[in-house]
């Protein structure tokens, strides 16, 4: 409903990638804001781990309707293989970074997100060759969905909204495992 200024900063280091998103409201009124990156990863041999306070179950329209404690296919507190899952759900209240490991690969990918991105969408299509781990500022359908602990941000005139996602690579020799040449 209003004009904005958006900026993306990409910082690349030896074993890290940082994506910073900044948006400034240029309108004379407060405006809702929804944005984010939607990275996807190879599902072959992948395991995902993160701890969340809530998993949001979807209704028939595939939009969040009910928050529950993560259990069964929604529990990623341990190293959970992504194969044989069919998930497209929001998770709220992550504690610490997430991690992705791949069987037979010398890499673990750590994913951290700023407090301004309190929700993560996990999308694992049944039989798919990829999966997504998407830090975002609010639940899907936040303007019309159930009240939640993560409503869509409302940005006042002139205010900046900032968010950050950090990816870090840990190689096997750093984890105490065998070193592999690449």
N, C-alpha and C. Protein backbone atom coordinates (compact mmCIF):
# COMPACT_ATOMS: atom_id res chain seq x y z
N UNK A 1 0.80 -1.22 0.00
CA UNK A 1 0.00 0.00 0.00
C UNK A 1 0.84 1.27 0.00
N UNK A 2 2.16 1.14 0.06
CA UNK A 2 2.99 2.34 0.08
C UNK A 2 4.34 2.09 -0.53
N UNK A 3 5.07 3.16 -0.74
CA UNK A 3 6.40 3.04 -1.32
C UNK A 3 7.40 2.59 -0.26
N UNK A 4 8.43 1.88 -0.73
CA UNK A 4 9.48 1.47 0.19
C UNK A 4 10.81 1.46 -0.54
N UNK A 5 11.86 1.42 0.23
CA UNK A 5 13.22 1.30 -0.28
C UNK A 5 13.73 -0.04 0.23
N UNK A 6 14.24 -0.87 -0.66
CA UNK A 6 14.75 -2.19 -0.26
C UNK A 6 16.22 -2.31 -0.62
N UNK A 7 16.95 -2.98 0.25
CA UNK A 7 18.37 -3.19 0.01
C UNK A 7 18.71 -4.62 0.42
N UNK A 8 19.54 -5.25 -0.37
CA UNK A 8 20.03 -6.59 -0.03
C UNK A 8 21.55 -6.51 0.01
N UNK A 9 22.12 -7.02 1.10
CA UNK A 9 23.58 -7.08 1.23
C UNK A 9 23.98 -8.54 1.28
N UNK A 10 24.95 -8.89 0.46
CA UNK A 10 25.46 -10.26 0.42
C UNK A 10 26.92 -10.21 0.83
N UNK A 11 27.25 -10.93 1.89
CA UNK A 11 28.61 -10.97 2.39
C UNK A 11 29.10 -12.41 2.29
N UNK A 12 30.21 -12.59 1.59
CA UNK A 12 30.76 -13.92 1.39
C UNK A 12 32.13 -13.99 2.04
N UNK A 13 32.33 -15.00 2.88
CA UNK A 13 33.62 -15.24 3.53
C UNK A 13 34.07 -16.65 3.14
N UNK A 14 35.19 -17.10 3.68
CA UNK A 14 35.73 -18.40 3.28
C UNK A 14 34.73 -19.54 3.46
N UNK A 15 34.07 -19.60 4.59
CA UNK A 15 33.10 -20.67 4.84
C UNK A 15 31.76 -20.14 5.31
N UNK A 16 31.40 -18.94 4.86
CA UNK A 16 30.16 -18.34 5.34
C UNK A 16 29.53 -17.45 4.27
N UNK A 17 28.22 -17.39 4.31
CA UNK A 17 27.43 -16.51 3.46
C UNK A 17 26.41 -15.83 4.36
N UNK A 18 26.36 -14.50 4.28
CA UNK A 18 25.41 -13.74 5.08
C UNK A 18 24.53 -12.94 4.14
N UNK A 19 23.21 -13.11 4.27
CA UNK A 19 22.24 -12.37 3.47
C UNK A 19 21.51 -11.40 4.38
N UNK A 20 21.68 -10.12 4.13
CA UNK A 20 21.01 -9.09 4.93
C UNK A 20 19.95 -8.42 4.06
N UNK A 21 18.75 -8.30 4.60
CA UNK A 21 17.64 -7.65 3.92
C UNK A 21 17.24 -6.43 4.74
N UNK A 22 17.12 -5.29 4.08
CA UNK A 22 16.74 -4.06 4.75
C UNK A 22 15.63 -3.40 3.94
N UNK A 23 14.57 -2.99 4.62
CA UNK A 23 13.46 -2.31 3.96
C UNK A 23 13.09 -1.08 4.78
N UNK A 24 12.94 0.06 4.10
CA UNK A 24 12.53 1.30 4.75
C UNK A 24 11.19 1.73 4.18
N UNK A 25 10.28 2.07 5.06
CA UNK A 25 8.96 2.55 4.66
C UNK A 25 9.07 4.01 4.25
N UNK A 26 8.79 4.31 2.98
CA UNK A 26 8.82 5.68 2.47
C UNK A 26 7.43 6.30 2.40
N UNK A 27 6.41 5.54 2.81
CA UNK A 27 5.03 6.03 2.77
C UNK A 27 4.75 6.91 4.00
N UNK A 28 3.65 7.62 3.94
CA UNK A 28 3.23 8.47 5.05
C UNK A 28 2.38 7.71 6.07
N UNK A 29 2.15 6.44 5.80
CA UNK A 29 1.35 5.60 6.69
C UNK A 29 2.14 4.34 7.05
N UNK A 30 1.76 3.70 8.12
CA UNK A 30 2.36 2.42 8.48
C UNK A 30 1.92 1.36 7.47
N UNK A 31 2.83 0.46 7.10
CA UNK A 31 2.51 -0.56 6.11
C UNK A 31 2.96 -1.94 6.60
N UNK A 32 2.20 -2.99 6.22
CA UNK A 32 2.63 -4.34 6.55
C UNK A 32 3.78 -4.76 5.64
N UNK A 33 4.62 -5.65 6.14
CA UNK A 33 5.78 -6.07 5.36
C UNK A 33 5.94 -7.58 5.45
N UNK A 34 6.10 -8.18 4.30
CA UNK A 34 6.42 -9.60 4.24
C UNK A 34 7.48 -9.81 3.18
N UNK A 35 8.57 -10.47 3.54
CA UNK A 35 9.62 -10.78 2.57
C UNK A 35 10.49 -11.89 3.12
N UNK A 36 11.39 -12.37 2.31
CA UNK A 36 12.34 -13.36 2.77
C UNK A 36 12.99 -14.07 1.60
N UNK A 37 14.04 -14.77 1.91
CA UNK A 37 14.68 -15.65 0.94
C UNK A 37 14.05 -17.02 1.07
N UNK A 38 14.09 -17.78 0.01
CA UNK A 38 13.51 -19.12 0.02
C UNK A 38 14.53 -20.12 -0.52
N UNK A 39 15.62 -20.34 0.23
CA UNK A 39 16.66 -21.25 -0.25
C UNK A 39 16.18 -22.70 -0.29
N UNK A 40 16.64 -23.41 -1.30
CA UNK A 40 16.33 -24.84 -1.37
C UNK A 40 17.62 -25.62 -1.48
N UNK A 41 17.55 -26.89 -1.07
CA UNK A 41 18.74 -27.73 -0.92
C UNK A 41 18.49 -29.11 -1.52
N UNK A 42 19.56 -29.78 -1.89
CA UNK A 42 19.50 -31.14 -2.41
C UNK A 42 18.98 -32.07 -1.32
N UNK A 43 17.94 -32.84 -1.61
CA UNK A 43 17.35 -33.75 -0.63
C UNK A 43 18.07 -35.10 -0.56
N UNK A 44 18.87 -35.42 -1.56
CA UNK A 44 19.53 -36.73 -1.61
C UNK A 44 20.48 -36.91 -0.42
N UNK A 45 20.13 -37.83 0.47
CA UNK A 45 20.96 -38.12 1.65
C UNK A 45 20.94 -37.05 2.71
N UNK A 46 20.01 -36.09 2.62
CA UNK A 46 19.99 -34.96 3.55
C UNK A 46 19.26 -35.28 4.85
N UNK A 47 19.80 -34.74 5.93
CA UNK A 47 19.15 -34.74 7.24
C UNK A 47 19.11 -33.30 7.73
N UNK A 48 18.00 -32.95 8.36
CA UNK A 48 17.78 -31.60 8.85
C UNK A 48 17.62 -31.65 10.36
N UNK A 49 18.20 -30.68 11.05
CA UNK A 49 18.00 -30.62 12.50
C UNK A 49 17.81 -29.17 12.94
N UNK A 50 16.80 -28.96 13.76
CA UNK A 50 16.54 -27.68 14.42
C UNK A 50 15.54 -27.93 15.53
N UNK A 51 15.50 -27.02 16.48
CA UNK A 51 14.54 -27.11 17.58
C UNK A 51 13.61 -25.92 17.51
N UNK A 52 12.31 -26.19 17.53
CA UNK A 52 11.30 -25.12 17.48
C UNK A 52 10.31 -25.30 18.62
N UNK A 53 9.74 -24.21 19.07
CA UNK A 53 8.72 -24.27 20.12
C UNK A 53 7.39 -24.75 19.57
N UNK A 54 7.07 -24.37 18.31
CA UNK A 54 5.77 -24.71 17.73
C UNK A 54 5.91 -25.15 16.27
N UNK A 55 5.09 -26.11 15.90
CA UNK A 55 4.87 -26.45 14.50
C UNK A 55 3.43 -26.06 14.22
N UNK A 56 3.20 -25.40 13.11
CA UNK A 56 1.85 -24.99 12.75
C UNK A 56 1.25 -26.00 11.78
N UNK A 57 0.14 -26.60 12.17
CA UNK A 57 -0.56 -27.54 11.30
C UNK A 57 -1.42 -26.75 10.33
N UNK A 58 -1.58 -27.26 9.13
CA UNK A 58 -2.35 -26.59 8.09
C UNK A 58 -3.76 -27.13 8.01
N UNK A 59 -4.66 -26.27 7.56
CA UNK A 59 -6.03 -26.69 7.26
C UNK A 59 -6.09 -27.24 5.85
N UNK A 60 -7.29 -27.51 5.37
CA UNK A 60 -7.48 -28.05 4.03
C UNK A 60 -6.95 -27.12 2.93
N UNK A 61 -6.85 -25.83 3.23
CA UNK A 61 -6.35 -24.86 2.26
C UNK A 61 -4.82 -24.71 2.31
N UNK A 62 -4.14 -25.56 3.08
CA UNK A 62 -2.68 -25.56 3.25
C UNK A 62 -2.15 -24.31 3.94
N UNK A 63 -3.01 -23.63 4.72
CA UNK A 63 -2.59 -22.47 5.49
C UNK A 63 -2.63 -22.81 6.97
N UNK A 64 -1.75 -22.20 7.78
CA UNK A 64 -1.65 -22.53 9.21
C UNK A 64 -2.94 -22.26 9.97
N UNK A 65 -3.33 -23.23 10.80
CA UNK A 65 -4.54 -23.08 11.61
C UNK A 65 -4.32 -23.36 13.09
N UNK A 66 -3.32 -24.19 13.43
CA UNK A 66 -3.17 -24.62 14.82
C UNK A 66 -1.71 -24.87 15.15
N UNK A 67 -1.26 -24.29 16.28
CA UNK A 67 0.11 -24.50 16.75
C UNK A 67 0.14 -25.70 17.69
N UNK A 68 1.13 -26.57 17.48
CA UNK A 68 1.31 -27.75 18.32
C UNK A 68 2.80 -27.88 18.66
N UNK A 69 3.09 -28.66 19.69
CA UNK A 69 4.48 -28.99 19.97
C UNK A 69 4.98 -29.90 18.85
N UNK A 70 6.16 -29.64 18.32
CA UNK A 70 6.67 -30.48 17.22
C UNK A 70 6.81 -31.94 17.65
N UNK A 71 6.18 -32.83 16.90
CA UNK A 71 6.23 -34.27 17.17
C UNK A 71 6.07 -35.02 15.86
N UNK A 72 6.44 -36.28 15.86
CA UNK A 72 6.30 -37.11 14.67
C UNK A 72 7.04 -36.51 13.49
N UNK A 73 6.38 -36.37 12.33
CA UNK A 73 7.07 -35.86 11.15
C UNK A 73 7.49 -34.39 11.26
N UNK A 74 6.98 -33.68 12.28
CA UNK A 74 7.31 -32.27 12.48
C UNK A 74 8.43 -32.06 13.49
N UNK A 75 8.99 -33.14 14.00
CA UNK A 75 10.06 -33.06 15.01
C UNK A 75 11.41 -33.17 14.32
N UNK A 76 12.16 -32.09 14.34
CA UNK A 76 13.50 -32.06 13.76
C UNK A 76 14.56 -31.81 14.82
N UNK A 77 14.20 -32.05 16.10
CA UNK A 77 15.14 -31.78 17.19
C UNK A 77 16.39 -32.66 17.09
N UNK A 78 16.24 -33.85 16.53
CA UNK A 78 17.41 -34.70 16.27
C UNK A 78 17.76 -34.61 14.80
N UNK A 79 18.69 -35.37 14.39
CA UNK A 79 19.11 -35.41 12.98
C UNK A 79 18.06 -36.20 12.20
N UNK A 80 17.13 -35.51 11.54
CA UNK A 80 15.98 -36.16 10.89
C UNK A 80 16.16 -36.20 9.37
N UNK A 81 16.16 -37.40 8.78
CA UNK A 81 16.23 -37.48 7.32
C UNK A 81 15.02 -36.78 6.68
N UNK A 82 15.25 -36.12 5.54
CA UNK A 82 14.14 -35.44 4.87
C UNK A 82 13.39 -36.37 3.92
N UNK A 83 14.01 -37.47 3.54
CA UNK A 83 13.38 -38.42 2.63
C UNK A 83 12.10 -38.98 3.28
N UNK A 84 11.12 -39.29 2.48
CA UNK A 84 9.85 -39.87 2.93
C UNK A 84 9.02 -38.93 3.81
N UNK A 85 9.24 -37.64 3.72
CA UNK A 85 8.39 -36.67 4.42
C UNK A 85 7.65 -35.87 3.37
N UNK A 86 6.49 -35.38 3.75
CA UNK A 86 5.69 -34.51 2.89
C UNK A 86 5.21 -33.37 3.79
N UNK A 87 5.98 -32.29 3.81
CA UNK A 87 5.75 -31.21 4.76
C UNK A 87 5.76 -29.87 4.03
N UNK A 88 4.83 -29.01 4.40
CA UNK A 88 4.83 -27.61 3.97
C UNK A 88 4.22 -26.83 5.12
N UNK A 89 5.02 -26.64 6.17
CA UNK A 89 4.51 -26.08 7.42
C UNK A 89 5.43 -24.99 7.95
N UNK A 90 4.84 -24.12 8.78
CA UNK A 90 5.59 -23.08 9.47
C UNK A 90 6.02 -23.60 10.84
N UNK A 91 7.19 -23.16 11.27
CA UNK A 91 7.71 -23.48 12.59
C UNK A 91 8.07 -22.16 13.26
N UNK A 92 7.72 -22.03 14.53
CA UNK A 92 7.95 -20.78 15.26
C UNK A 92 8.81 -21.05 16.48
N UNK A 93 9.63 -20.07 16.83
CA UNK A 93 10.40 -20.17 18.06
C UNK A 93 11.61 -21.08 17.96
N UNK A 94 12.37 -20.96 16.88
CA UNK A 94 13.60 -21.75 16.78
C UNK A 94 14.59 -21.29 17.83
N UNK A 95 15.28 -22.26 18.42
CA UNK A 95 16.33 -21.94 19.38
C UNK A 95 17.65 -22.41 18.78
N UNK A 96 18.51 -21.46 18.51
CA UNK A 96 19.80 -21.79 17.91
C UNK A 96 19.68 -22.01 16.42
N UNK A 97 20.82 -22.26 15.78
CA UNK A 97 20.81 -22.46 14.34
C UNK A 97 20.29 -23.83 13.94
N UNK A 98 19.87 -23.94 12.71
CA UNK A 98 19.51 -25.22 12.11
C UNK A 98 20.77 -25.80 11.47
N UNK A 99 20.73 -27.10 11.15
CA UNK A 99 21.87 -27.73 10.48
C UNK A 99 21.35 -28.72 9.44
N UNK A 100 22.08 -28.80 8.34
CA UNK A 100 21.79 -29.78 7.30
C UNK A 100 23.06 -30.60 7.07
N UNK A 101 22.92 -31.92 7.11
CA UNK A 101 24.02 -32.85 6.81
C UNK A 101 23.62 -33.65 5.59
N UNK A 102 24.60 -34.15 4.85
CA UNK A 102 24.35 -35.03 3.72
C UNK A 102 25.20 -36.28 3.87
N UNK A 103 24.59 -37.44 3.79
CA UNK A 103 25.32 -38.70 3.85
C UNK A 103 26.35 -38.74 2.73
N UNK A 104 27.58 -39.12 3.09
CA UNK A 104 28.64 -39.25 2.09
C UNK A 104 29.27 -37.95 1.65
N UNK A 105 28.87 -36.85 2.25
CA UNK A 105 29.47 -35.55 1.90
C UNK A 105 30.17 -34.98 3.13
N UNK A 106 31.29 -34.32 2.94
CA UNK A 106 32.07 -33.83 4.08
C UNK A 106 31.59 -32.49 4.63
N UNK A 107 30.32 -32.17 4.45
CA UNK A 107 29.84 -30.84 4.79
C UNK A 107 28.61 -30.87 5.68
N UNK A 108 28.60 -30.01 6.69
CA UNK A 108 27.40 -29.68 7.43
C UNK A 108 27.16 -28.20 7.22
N UNK A 109 25.94 -27.84 6.90
CA UNK A 109 25.58 -26.44 6.69
C UNK A 109 24.80 -25.95 7.89
N UNK A 110 25.29 -24.92 8.52
CA UNK A 110 24.61 -24.28 9.65
C UNK A 110 23.82 -23.09 9.11
N UNK A 111 22.57 -22.92 9.60
CA UNK A 111 21.73 -21.80 9.15
C UNK A 111 21.21 -21.06 10.39
N UNK A 112 21.61 -19.82 10.51
CA UNK A 112 21.13 -18.98 11.60
C UNK A 112 20.28 -17.86 11.04
N UNK A 113 19.40 -17.32 11.87
CA UNK A 113 18.52 -16.24 11.42
C UNK A 113 18.34 -15.23 12.53
N UNK A 114 18.18 -13.97 12.15
CA UNK A 114 18.00 -12.91 13.13
C UNK A 114 16.64 -13.03 13.81
N UNK A 115 16.50 -12.37 14.95
CA UNK A 115 15.25 -12.41 15.71
C UNK A 115 14.08 -11.83 14.92
N UNK A 116 14.35 -11.00 13.92
CA UNK A 116 13.29 -10.42 13.10
C UNK A 116 12.70 -11.43 12.12
N UNK A 117 13.28 -12.65 12.08
CA UNK A 117 12.76 -13.75 11.25
C UNK A 117 12.40 -14.91 12.19
N UNK A 118 11.32 -14.77 12.97
CA UNK A 118 10.99 -15.76 14.00
C UNK A 118 10.30 -17.02 13.48
N UNK A 119 9.97 -17.06 12.21
CA UNK A 119 9.25 -18.20 11.64
C UNK A 119 10.12 -18.82 10.55
N UNK A 120 10.04 -20.13 10.42
CA UNK A 120 10.71 -20.82 9.32
C UNK A 120 9.69 -21.71 8.64
N UNK A 121 9.63 -21.62 7.32
CA UNK A 121 8.78 -22.50 6.54
C UNK A 121 9.67 -23.67 6.08
N UNK A 122 9.24 -24.88 6.38
CA UNK A 122 9.94 -26.07 5.90
C UNK A 122 9.04 -26.71 4.85
N UNK A 123 9.60 -26.85 3.65
CA UNK A 123 8.86 -27.44 2.54
C UNK A 123 9.65 -28.64 2.04
N UNK A 124 9.07 -29.82 2.22
CA UNK A 124 9.67 -31.06 1.75
C UNK A 124 8.60 -31.77 0.92
N UNK A 125 8.66 -31.65 -0.41
CA UNK A 125 7.64 -32.32 -1.23
C UNK A 125 7.90 -33.83 -1.27
N UNK A 126 6.83 -34.60 -1.19
CA UNK A 126 6.96 -36.06 -1.24
C UNK A 126 7.69 -36.48 -2.51
N UNK A 127 8.75 -37.25 -2.34
CA UNK A 127 9.50 -37.76 -3.48
C UNK A 127 10.31 -36.71 -4.22
N UNK A 128 10.39 -35.51 -3.66
CA UNK A 128 11.10 -34.44 -4.34
C UNK A 128 12.61 -34.58 -4.26
N UNK A 129 13.30 -33.96 -5.18
CA UNK A 129 14.76 -33.98 -5.21
C UNK A 129 15.36 -32.82 -4.40
N UNK A 130 14.50 -31.98 -3.83
CA UNK A 130 14.96 -30.82 -3.06
C UNK A 130 14.05 -30.63 -1.85
N UNK A 131 14.49 -29.76 -0.95
CA UNK A 131 13.64 -29.30 0.15
C UNK A 131 14.03 -27.86 0.45
N UNK A 132 13.14 -27.15 1.15
CA UNK A 132 13.38 -25.74 1.46
C UNK A 132 13.39 -25.51 2.96
N UNK A 133 14.22 -24.60 3.39
CA UNK A 133 14.28 -24.12 4.76
C UNK A 133 14.28 -22.61 4.64
N UNK A 134 13.14 -21.97 4.96
CA UNK A 134 12.89 -20.58 4.61
C UNK A 134 12.61 -19.70 5.83
N UNK A 135 13.62 -19.02 6.38
CA UNK A 135 13.37 -18.08 7.47
C UNK A 135 12.57 -16.88 6.97
N UNK A 136 11.48 -16.54 7.67
CA UNK A 136 10.59 -15.44 7.27
C UNK A 136 10.12 -14.67 8.50
N UNK A 137 9.59 -13.45 8.32
CA UNK A 137 9.19 -12.64 9.47
C UNK A 137 7.83 -12.97 10.08
N UNK A 138 7.01 -13.80 9.40
CA UNK A 138 5.67 -14.04 9.92
C UNK A 138 5.12 -15.37 9.39
N UNK A 139 4.03 -15.82 9.98
CA UNK A 139 3.36 -17.03 9.48
C UNK A 139 2.79 -16.80 8.10
N UNK A 140 2.65 -17.86 7.33
CA UNK A 140 1.93 -17.78 6.06
C UNK A 140 0.52 -17.26 6.34
N UNK A 141 0.01 -16.42 5.47
CA UNK A 141 -1.34 -15.86 5.58
C UNK A 141 -1.53 -15.04 6.87
N UNK A 142 -0.48 -14.35 7.29
CA UNK A 142 -0.51 -13.62 8.56
C UNK A 142 -1.60 -12.55 8.61
N UNK A 143 -1.94 -11.94 7.50
CA UNK A 143 -2.97 -10.90 7.53
C UNK A 143 -4.37 -11.45 7.76
N UNK A 144 -4.61 -12.71 7.38
CA UNK A 144 -5.95 -13.27 7.49
C UNK A 144 -6.00 -14.55 8.33
N UNK A 145 -4.85 -15.01 8.79
CA UNK A 145 -4.79 -16.28 9.51
C UNK A 145 -5.06 -16.13 10.99
N UNK A 146 -4.75 -17.19 11.74
CA UNK A 146 -4.99 -17.18 13.17
C UNK A 146 -4.05 -16.22 13.88
N UNK A 147 -4.49 -15.64 15.01
CA UNK A 147 -3.56 -14.82 15.79
C UNK A 147 -2.37 -15.68 16.19
N UNK A 148 -1.20 -15.08 16.18
CA UNK A 148 -0.02 -15.87 16.49
C UNK A 148 1.01 -15.03 17.22
N UNK A 149 2.06 -15.69 17.63
CA UNK A 149 3.18 -15.00 18.26
C UNK A 149 4.05 -14.33 17.21
N UNK A 150 3.75 -14.54 15.93
CA UNK A 150 4.57 -13.97 14.85
C UNK A 150 3.68 -13.30 13.80
N UNK A 151 3.06 -12.17 14.17
CA UNK A 151 2.23 -11.47 13.18
C UNK A 151 3.10 -10.79 12.12
N UNK A 152 2.49 -10.38 11.04
CA UNK A 152 3.21 -9.66 9.98
C UNK A 152 3.73 -8.35 10.56
N UNK A 153 4.99 -8.01 10.32
CA UNK A 153 5.51 -6.74 10.82
C UNK A 153 4.78 -5.55 10.19
N UNK A 154 4.54 -4.53 10.99
CA UNK A 154 3.97 -3.28 10.51
C UNK A 154 5.07 -2.23 10.67
N UNK A 155 5.42 -1.58 9.57
CA UNK A 155 6.55 -0.67 9.55
C UNK A 155 6.04 0.78 9.53
N UNK A 156 6.45 1.54 10.52
CA UNK A 156 6.02 2.94 10.63
C UNK A 156 6.70 3.79 9.54
N UNK A 157 6.11 4.95 9.22
CA UNK A 157 6.74 5.83 8.23
C UNK A 157 8.19 6.15 8.60
N UNK A 158 9.09 5.99 7.63
CA UNK A 158 10.51 6.27 7.85
C UNK A 158 11.28 5.18 8.55
N UNK A 159 10.60 4.17 9.08
CA UNK A 159 11.27 3.11 9.84
C UNK A 159 11.94 2.09 8.92
N UNK A 160 13.05 1.54 9.40
CA UNK A 160 13.75 0.45 8.71
C UNK A 160 13.39 -0.87 9.36
N UNK A 161 13.26 -1.90 8.56
CA UNK A 161 13.11 -3.28 9.04
C UNK A 161 14.32 -4.03 8.50
N UNK A 162 15.03 -4.74 9.37
CA UNK A 162 16.21 -5.47 8.92
C UNK A 162 16.11 -6.93 9.34
N UNK A 163 16.68 -7.78 8.53
CA UNK A 163 16.68 -9.22 8.81
C UNK A 163 17.95 -9.82 8.22
N UNK A 164 18.37 -10.95 8.82
CA UNK A 164 19.60 -11.56 8.35
C UNK A 164 19.54 -13.07 8.44
N UNK A 165 20.11 -13.72 7.42
CA UNK A 165 20.26 -15.18 7.41
C UNK A 165 21.74 -15.45 7.22
N UNK A 166 22.29 -16.33 8.04
CA UNK A 166 23.72 -16.66 7.96
C UNK A 166 23.88 -18.15 7.69
N UNK A 167 24.62 -18.48 6.66
CA UNK A 167 24.94 -19.87 6.31
C UNK A 167 26.41 -20.09 6.61
N UNK A 168 26.72 -21.15 7.33
CA UNK A 168 28.11 -21.47 7.64
C UNK A 168 28.41 -22.91 7.30
N UNK A 169 29.56 -23.17 6.70
CA UNK A 169 29.96 -24.53 6.32
C UNK A 169 30.95 -25.08 7.33
N UNK A 170 30.69 -26.30 7.77
CA UNK A 170 31.61 -27.03 8.64
C UNK A 170 32.02 -28.28 7.88
N UNK A 171 33.33 -28.44 7.65
CA UNK A 171 33.83 -29.60 6.92
C UNK A 171 34.14 -30.73 7.88
N UNK A 172 34.16 -31.96 7.39
CA UNK A 172 34.37 -33.15 8.22
C UNK A 172 35.59 -33.05 9.10
N UNK A 173 36.72 -32.57 8.57
CA UNK A 173 37.92 -32.51 9.41
C UNK A 173 37.73 -31.55 10.57
N UNK A 174 36.85 -30.55 10.43
CA UNK A 174 36.54 -29.63 11.51
C UNK A 174 35.67 -30.29 12.57
N UNK A 175 34.95 -31.33 12.17
CA UNK A 175 34.05 -32.04 13.09
C UNK A 175 34.73 -33.27 13.69
N UNK A 176 36.00 -33.47 13.35
CA UNK A 176 36.71 -34.62 13.89
C UNK A 176 36.61 -35.84 13.02
N UNK A 177 35.98 -35.75 11.83
CA UNK A 177 35.83 -36.87 10.93
C UNK A 177 36.97 -36.93 9.93
N UNK A 178 36.96 -37.91 9.05
CA UNK A 178 38.02 -38.03 8.06
C UNK A 178 37.99 -36.88 7.07
N UNK A 179 39.12 -36.49 6.62
CA UNK A 179 39.22 -35.43 5.62
C UNK A 179 39.08 -36.05 4.23
N UNK A 180 38.34 -35.38 3.38
CA UNK A 180 38.16 -35.85 2.01
C UNK A 180 38.63 -34.78 1.06
N UNK A 181 39.25 -35.15 0.00
CA UNK A 181 39.65 -34.17 -0.99
C UNK A 181 38.49 -33.86 -1.91
N UNK A 182 38.48 -32.65 -2.44
CA UNK A 182 37.40 -32.24 -3.32
C UNK A 182 37.97 -31.81 -4.64
